[in-house]
Amino acid sequence: MKLITIIIKPFKLEEVREALAEIGIQGMTMSEVKGFGRQKGHSELYRGAEYNVSFLPKVKIDIAINDERVEEVVNIVQQTAFTGKMGDGKIFIFELQQAIRIRTGEINEAAL
């Protein structure tokens, strides 16, 4: 099993969610986060004063998935989250040791 963590631009969330639902991805967790990479933030004007915004709003999606579906999920996210501009995001893939469904006690793939 793998845990896929996806960081994308907020306006791409619904498009990514719909694309993943179309391939049968049933569950995910979404968090609103802030961060920066190569973009290094940007300047904004507020009431005539310019200030630097270091951390940009992003969306973090976590998906626990069977090993066989990882490549499919990664390809879908790359296609749907792509804008071609800096800040499109990142995909991180981690080994998931165990998953447990609290309600039923199912473990691993059965819990997904």
Protein backbone atom coordinates (compact mmCIF):
# COMPACT_ATOMS: atom_id res chain seq x y z
CA MET A 1 0.00 0.00 0.00
CA LYS A 2 1.06 3.56 -0.63
CA LEU A 3 0.11 6.97 0.71
CA ILE A 4 0.07 9.59 -2.02
CA THR A 5 0.32 13.21 -0.90
CA ILE A 6 -0.56 15.76 -3.55
CA ILE A 7 0.01 19.52 -3.26
CA ILE A 8 -1.84 21.57 -5.91
CA LYS A 9 -3.30 25.00 -6.60
CA PRO A 10 -6.68 25.46 -4.89
CA PHE A 11 -8.64 26.14 -8.09
CA LYS A 12 -7.60 22.71 -9.43
CA LEU A 13 -9.07 20.76 -6.50
CA GLU A 14 -12.51 20.03 -7.94
CA GLU A 15 -11.12 19.04 -11.33
CA VAL A 16 -8.65 16.63 -9.71
CA ARG A 17 -11.32 15.21 -7.38
CA GLU A 18 -13.71 14.58 -10.30
CA ALA A 19 -10.99 12.92 -12.39
CA LEU A 20 -10.04 10.63 -9.51
CA ALA A 21 -13.69 9.76 -8.87
CA GLU A 22 -14.05 8.78 -12.56
CA ILE A 23 -11.34 6.12 -12.13
CA GLY A 24 -12.96 4.80 -8.95
CA ILE A 25 -10.93 6.47 -6.22
CA GLN A 26 -13.42 6.42 -3.35
CA GLY A 27 -11.69 8.23 -0.52
CA MET A 28 -9.29 11.07 0.06
CA THR A 29 -8.50 13.69 2.65
CA MET A 30 -8.13 17.35 1.70
CA SER A 31 -6.46 20.09 3.73
CA GLU A 32 -5.99 23.75 2.99
CA VAL A 33 -2.30 24.50 3.48
CA LYS A 34 0.19 27.26 2.76
CA GLY A 35 3.70 26.88 1.44
CA PHE A 36 6.26 27.89 -1.13
CA GLY A 37 8.84 26.31 -3.34
CA ARG A 38 10.61 27.91 -6.24
CA GLN A 39 7.90 30.58 -6.45
CA LYS A 40 9.19 32.11 -3.20
CA GLY A 41 5.87 33.93 -2.66
CA HIS A 42 4.83 37.18 -4.28
CA SER A 43 4.10 40.86 -3.56
CA GLU A 44 0.59 42.20 -3.04
CA LEU A 45 -0.83 45.67 -2.72
CA TYR A 46 -3.21 46.33 0.20
CA ARG A 47 -4.59 49.83 0.91
CA GLY A 48 -1.74 51.38 -1.02
CA ALA A 49 0.99 49.49 0.81
CA GLU A 50 2.99 46.72 -0.82
CA TYR A 51 3.82 43.66 1.24
CA ASN A 52 5.37 40.27 0.57
CA VAL A 53 3.36 37.07 0.86
CA SER A 54 5.84 34.30 1.59
CA PHE A 55 3.43 31.39 1.93
CA LEU A 56 0.98 30.80 -0.91
CA PRO A 57 -2.36 29.01 -0.48
CA LYS A 58 -2.31 25.40 -1.67
CA VAL A 59 -4.44 22.30 -1.28
CA LYS A 60 -3.05 19.03 0.10
CA ILE A 61 -4.74 15.77 -0.84
CA ASP A 62 -3.88 12.47 0.85
CA ILE A 63 -4.91 9.18 -0.76
CA ALA A 64 -4.21 5.69 0.60
CA ILE A 65 -4.13 3.29 -2.33
CA ASN A 66 -3.13 -0.22 -3.42
CA ASP A 67 0.28 -0.43 -5.07
CA GLU A 68 -1.24 -1.39 -8.43
CA ARG A 69 -3.15 1.93 -8.72
CA VAL A 70 -0.31 4.33 -7.91
CA GLU A 71 0.81 4.98 -11.48
CA GLU A 72 -2.78 5.52 -12.64
CA VAL A 73 -3.47 8.04 -9.87
CA VAL A 74 -0.20 9.89 -10.49
CA ASN A 75 -0.94 10.16 -14.24
CA ILE A 76 -4.47 11.49 -13.63
CA VAL A 77 -3.23 14.10 -11.14
CA GLN A 78 -0.41 15.21 -13.46
CA GLN A 79 -2.87 15.68 -16.33
CA THR A 80 -5.59 17.48 -14.39
CA ALA A 81 -3.48 19.70 -12.10
CA PHE A 82 -1.15 20.86 -14.89
CA THR A 83 -1.25 24.56 -15.86
CA GLY A 84 2.30 24.83 -17.19
CA LYS A 85 3.07 27.63 -14.75
CA MET A 86 5.32 27.66 -11.71
CA GLY A 87 3.54 26.42 -8.59
CA ASP A 88 1.53 23.59 -10.18
CA GLY A 89 2.49 21.44 -7.21
CA LYS A 90 4.12 18.19 -6.20
CA ILE A 91 3.25 14.53 -5.70
CA PHE A 92 4.88 12.54 -2.90
CA ILE A 93 4.55 8.76 -2.58
CA PHE A 94 5.17 7.01 0.75
CA GLU A 95 5.13 3.38 1.79
CA LEU A 96 2.06 2.78 3.97
CA GLN A 97 2.69 0.11 6.60
CA GLN A 98 -0.85 -0.49 7.77
CA ALA A 99 -4.39 0.86 7.49
CA ILE A 100 -7.20 0.07 9.92
CA ARG A 101 -10.89 0.90 9.51
CA ILE A 102 -12.00 1.95 13.00
CA ARG A 103 -15.67 0.96 12.60
CA THR A 104 -15.10 -2.63 11.43
CA GLY A 105 -11.51 -3.42 12.39
CA GLU A 106 -10.67 -4.27 8.76
CA ILE A 107 -6.98 -3.93 7.99
CA ASN A 108 -4.82 -2.99 5.03
CA GLU A 109 -6.43 -3.26 1.56
CA ALA A 110 -9.82 -4.18 3.08
CA ALA A 111 -9.71 -0.95 5.08
CA LEU A 112 -9.13 1.20 2.02
